[in-house]
């Protein structure tokens, strides 16, 4: 079982046995499992995580972003 939660109220729970595909339940404003699966897919396709070598940008309002190539994530 894997559990994920975010301060914005988003959550995900995935359960699986042995090599079965996980059964995923998630809710809230973000789909955390889907976001994790996108990162995992990038890792398997490119052999590294997208954050490796990313640049950090802090906007005047304090919002922070990581960016590398076409990849962008707001923290």
N, C-alpha and C. Protein backbone atom coordinates (compact mmCIF):
# COMPACT_ATOMS: atom_id res chain seq x y z
N UNK A 1 0.84 -1.17 0.00
CA UNK A 1 0.00 0.00 0.00
C UNK A 1 0.89 1.23 0.00
N UNK A 2 0.53 2.20 -0.83
CA UNK A 2 1.22 3.49 -0.87
C UNK A 2 0.19 4.57 -0.58
N UNK A 3 0.57 5.51 0.29
CA UNK A 3 -0.30 6.63 0.64
C UNK A 3 0.41 7.93 0.31
N UNK A 4 -0.32 8.87 -0.25
CA UNK A 4 0.23 10.20 -0.53
C UNK A 4 -0.80 11.23 -0.09
N UNK A 5 -0.31 12.36 0.44
CA UNK A 5 -1.21 13.44 0.85
C UNK A 5 -0.52 14.77 0.62
N UNK A 6 -1.31 15.80 0.37
CA UNK A 6 -0.80 17.14 0.15
C UNK A 6 -1.60 18.10 1.03
N UNK A 7 -0.98 19.18 1.42
CA UNK A 7 -1.64 20.17 2.29
C UNK A 7 -2.90 20.77 1.66
N UNK A 8 -3.03 20.73 0.34
CA UNK A 8 -4.23 21.29 -0.31
C UNK A 8 -5.43 20.35 -0.23
N UNK A 9 -5.28 19.21 0.45
CA UNK A 9 -6.37 18.26 0.59
C UNK A 9 -6.33 17.11 -0.39
N UNK A 10 -5.40 17.13 -1.32
CA UNK A 10 -5.27 16.03 -2.28
C UNK A 10 -4.72 14.80 -1.57
N UNK A 11 -5.15 13.63 -2.02
CA UNK A 11 -4.67 12.38 -1.44
C UNK A 11 -4.75 11.27 -2.48
N UNK A 12 -3.95 10.24 -2.26
CA UNK A 12 -4.00 9.06 -3.12
C UNK A 12 -3.63 7.84 -2.28
N UNK A 13 -4.27 6.72 -2.60
CA UNK A 13 -3.96 5.45 -1.95
C UNK A 13 -3.92 4.40 -3.05
N UNK A 14 -2.84 3.66 -3.09
CA UNK A 14 -2.70 2.59 -4.08
C UNK A 14 -2.38 1.30 -3.36
N UNK A 15 -3.08 0.24 -3.74
CA UNK A 15 -2.82 -1.07 -3.14
C UNK A 15 -2.63 -2.09 -4.26
N UNK A 16 -1.73 -3.03 -4.02
CA UNK A 16 -1.48 -4.10 -4.98
C UNK A 16 -0.85 -5.28 -4.25
N UNK A 17 -0.93 -6.43 -4.87
CA UNK A 17 -0.31 -7.64 -4.34
C UNK A 17 0.63 -8.18 -5.41
N UNK A 18 1.82 -8.57 -4.96
CA UNK A 18 2.84 -9.14 -5.86
C UNK A 18 3.07 -8.23 -7.06
N UNK A 19 2.90 -8.75 -8.28
CA UNK A 19 3.18 -7.93 -9.46
C UNK A 19 1.91 -7.43 -10.15
N UNK A 20 0.79 -7.39 -9.41
CA UNK A 20 -0.45 -6.86 -9.96
C UNK A 20 -0.34 -5.35 -10.19
N UNK A 21 -1.12 -4.84 -11.12
CA UNK A 21 -1.24 -3.39 -11.27
C UNK A 21 -1.97 -2.86 -10.04
N UNK A 22 -1.57 -1.71 -9.52
CA UNK A 22 -2.21 -1.20 -8.31
C UNK A 22 -3.64 -0.72 -8.57
N UNK A 23 -4.47 -0.86 -7.53
CA UNK A 23 -5.80 -0.27 -7.55
C UNK A 23 -5.64 1.08 -6.85
N UNK A 24 -5.98 2.16 -7.56
CA UNK A 24 -5.71 3.52 -7.06
C UNK A 24 -7.02 4.24 -6.76
N UNK A 25 -7.04 4.90 -5.61
CA UNK A 25 -8.13 5.79 -5.22
C UNK A 25 -7.49 7.12 -4.91
N UNK A 26 -8.06 8.21 -5.41
CA UNK A 26 -7.49 9.53 -5.15
C UNK A 26 -8.59 10.58 -5.16
N UNK A 27 -8.31 11.69 -4.49
CA UNK A 27 -9.29 12.77 -4.43
C UNK A 27 -8.60 14.09 -4.15
N UNK A 28 -9.39 15.15 -4.15
CA UNK A 28 -8.86 16.49 -3.92
C UNK A 28 -8.57 17.20 -5.23
N UNK A 29 -8.03 18.41 -5.15
CA UNK A 29 -7.81 19.21 -6.36
C UNK A 29 -6.72 18.68 -7.29
N UNK A 30 -5.78 17.90 -6.77
CA UNK A 30 -4.72 17.32 -7.62
C UNK A 30 -4.87 15.81 -7.64
N UNK A 31 -4.48 15.20 -8.69
CA UNK A 31 -4.45 13.74 -8.79
C UNK A 31 -3.01 13.31 -8.56
N UNK A 32 -2.66 13.08 -7.28
CA UNK A 32 -1.26 12.83 -6.90
C UNK A 32 -0.68 11.59 -7.56
N UNK A 33 -1.47 10.52 -7.68
CA UNK A 33 -0.95 9.30 -8.31
C UNK A 33 -0.62 9.57 -9.77
N UNK A 34 -1.48 10.32 -10.44
CA UNK A 34 -1.24 10.64 -11.85
C UNK A 34 0.04 11.46 -12.01
N UNK A 35 0.26 12.40 -11.10
CA UNK A 35 1.49 13.21 -11.14
C UNK A 35 2.72 12.32 -10.93
N UNK A 36 2.63 11.42 -9.96
CA UNK A 36 3.74 10.50 -9.70
C UNK A 36 3.99 9.61 -10.92
N UNK A 37 2.93 9.15 -11.55
CA UNK A 37 3.08 8.28 -12.72
C UNK A 37 3.73 9.02 -13.89
N UNK A 38 3.44 10.33 -14.05
CA UNK A 38 4.10 11.13 -15.09
C UNK A 38 5.60 11.21 -14.84
N UNK A 39 6.00 11.42 -13.58
CA UNK A 39 7.43 11.50 -13.24
C UNK A 39 8.08 10.14 -13.48
N UNK A 40 7.40 9.07 -13.07
CA UNK A 40 7.95 7.71 -13.27
C UNK A 40 8.13 7.41 -14.74
N UNK A 41 7.17 7.80 -15.54
CA UNK A 41 7.25 7.58 -16.99
C UNK A 41 8.44 8.33 -17.59
N UNK A 42 8.64 9.57 -17.16
CA UNK A 42 9.79 10.36 -17.64
C UNK A 42 11.09 9.66 -17.25
N UNK A 43 11.15 9.18 -16.02
CA UNK A 43 12.34 8.49 -15.53
C UNK A 43 12.64 7.26 -16.38
N UNK A 44 11.61 6.43 -16.65
CA UNK A 44 11.83 5.22 -17.43
C UNK A 44 12.20 5.52 -18.89
N UNK A 45 11.62 6.57 -19.44
CA UNK A 45 11.88 6.93 -20.84
C UNK A 45 13.25 7.58 -21.02
N UNK A 46 13.64 8.45 -20.07
CA UNK A 46 14.86 9.25 -20.22
C UNK A 46 16.03 8.80 -19.35
N UNK A 47 15.79 7.88 -18.43
CA UNK A 47 16.86 7.37 -17.58
C UNK A 47 17.26 8.29 -16.45
N UNK A 48 16.47 9.33 -16.21
CA UNK A 48 16.74 10.23 -15.10
C UNK A 48 15.46 11.00 -14.76
N UNK A 49 15.44 11.54 -13.57
CA UNK A 49 14.28 12.33 -13.15
C UNK A 49 14.35 13.73 -13.76
N UNK A 50 13.20 14.33 -14.07
CA UNK A 50 13.22 15.64 -14.73
C UNK A 50 13.82 16.75 -13.87
N UNK A 51 13.84 16.58 -12.57
CA UNK A 51 14.36 17.63 -11.70
C UNK A 51 15.90 17.73 -11.75
N UNK A 52 16.56 16.68 -12.21
CA UNK A 52 18.03 16.69 -12.28
C UNK A 52 18.48 17.80 -13.23
N UNK A 53 19.24 18.74 -12.72
CA UNK A 53 19.74 19.84 -13.52
C UNK A 53 18.74 20.97 -13.72
N UNK A 54 17.62 20.92 -13.01
CA UNK A 54 16.60 21.96 -13.16
C UNK A 54 17.07 23.28 -12.56
N UNK A 55 16.55 24.38 -13.07
CA UNK A 55 16.81 25.70 -12.53
C UNK A 55 15.65 26.09 -11.63
N UNK A 56 15.94 26.89 -10.62
CA UNK A 56 14.92 27.35 -9.68
C UNK A 56 14.60 28.80 -9.98
N UNK A 57 13.30 29.11 -10.05
CA UNK A 57 12.84 30.48 -10.26
C UNK A 57 11.91 30.86 -9.11
N UNK A 58 12.17 32.01 -8.51
CA UNK A 58 11.31 32.53 -7.45
C UNK A 58 10.71 33.82 -7.95
N UNK A 59 9.39 33.86 -8.03
CA UNK A 59 8.69 35.05 -8.53
C UNK A 59 8.52 36.07 -7.40
N UNK A 60 8.25 37.33 -7.73
CA UNK A 60 8.10 38.37 -6.70
C UNK A 60 7.04 38.03 -5.64
N UNK A 61 6.01 37.24 -6.01
CA UNK A 61 4.98 36.88 -5.04
C UNK A 61 5.41 35.72 -4.14
N UNK A 62 6.63 35.21 -4.34
CA UNK A 62 7.16 34.13 -3.52
C UNK A 62 6.93 32.74 -4.09
N UNK A 63 6.16 32.61 -5.16
CA UNK A 63 5.96 31.29 -5.74
C UNK A 63 7.27 30.80 -6.35
N UNK A 64 7.52 29.51 -6.22
CA UNK A 64 8.78 28.92 -6.63
C UNK A 64 8.54 27.86 -7.69
N UNK A 65 9.37 27.86 -8.73
CA UNK A 65 9.24 26.92 -9.84
C UNK A 65 10.57 26.24 -10.10
N UNK A 66 10.50 24.99 -10.51
CA UNK A 66 11.66 24.26 -11.03
C UNK A 66 11.40 24.08 -12.52
N UNK A 67 12.43 24.28 -13.34
CA UNK A 67 12.26 24.14 -14.79
C UNK A 67 13.50 23.52 -15.40
N UNK A 68 13.25 22.65 -16.38
CA UNK A 68 14.32 22.04 -17.17
C UNK A 68 13.74 21.69 -18.51
N UNK A 69 14.24 22.31 -19.56
CA UNK A 69 13.70 22.08 -20.90
C UNK A 69 12.23 22.46 -20.94
N UNK A 70 11.37 21.54 -21.39
CA UNK A 70 9.93 21.80 -21.44
C UNK A 70 9.23 21.45 -20.13
N UNK A 71 9.95 20.88 -19.18
CA UNK A 71 9.36 20.46 -17.90
C UNK A 71 9.32 21.63 -16.94
N UNK A 72 8.22 21.79 -16.22
CA UNK A 72 8.05 22.87 -15.25
C UNK A 72 7.21 22.36 -14.10
N UNK A 73 7.62 22.68 -12.88
CA UNK A 73 6.83 22.29 -11.70
C UNK A 73 6.78 23.45 -10.72
N UNK A 74 5.59 23.74 -10.24
CA UNK A 74 5.42 24.75 -9.19
C UNK A 74 5.51 24.05 -7.85
N UNK A 75 6.32 24.60 -6.96
CA UNK A 75 6.45 23.99 -5.63
C UNK A 75 5.46 24.58 -4.67
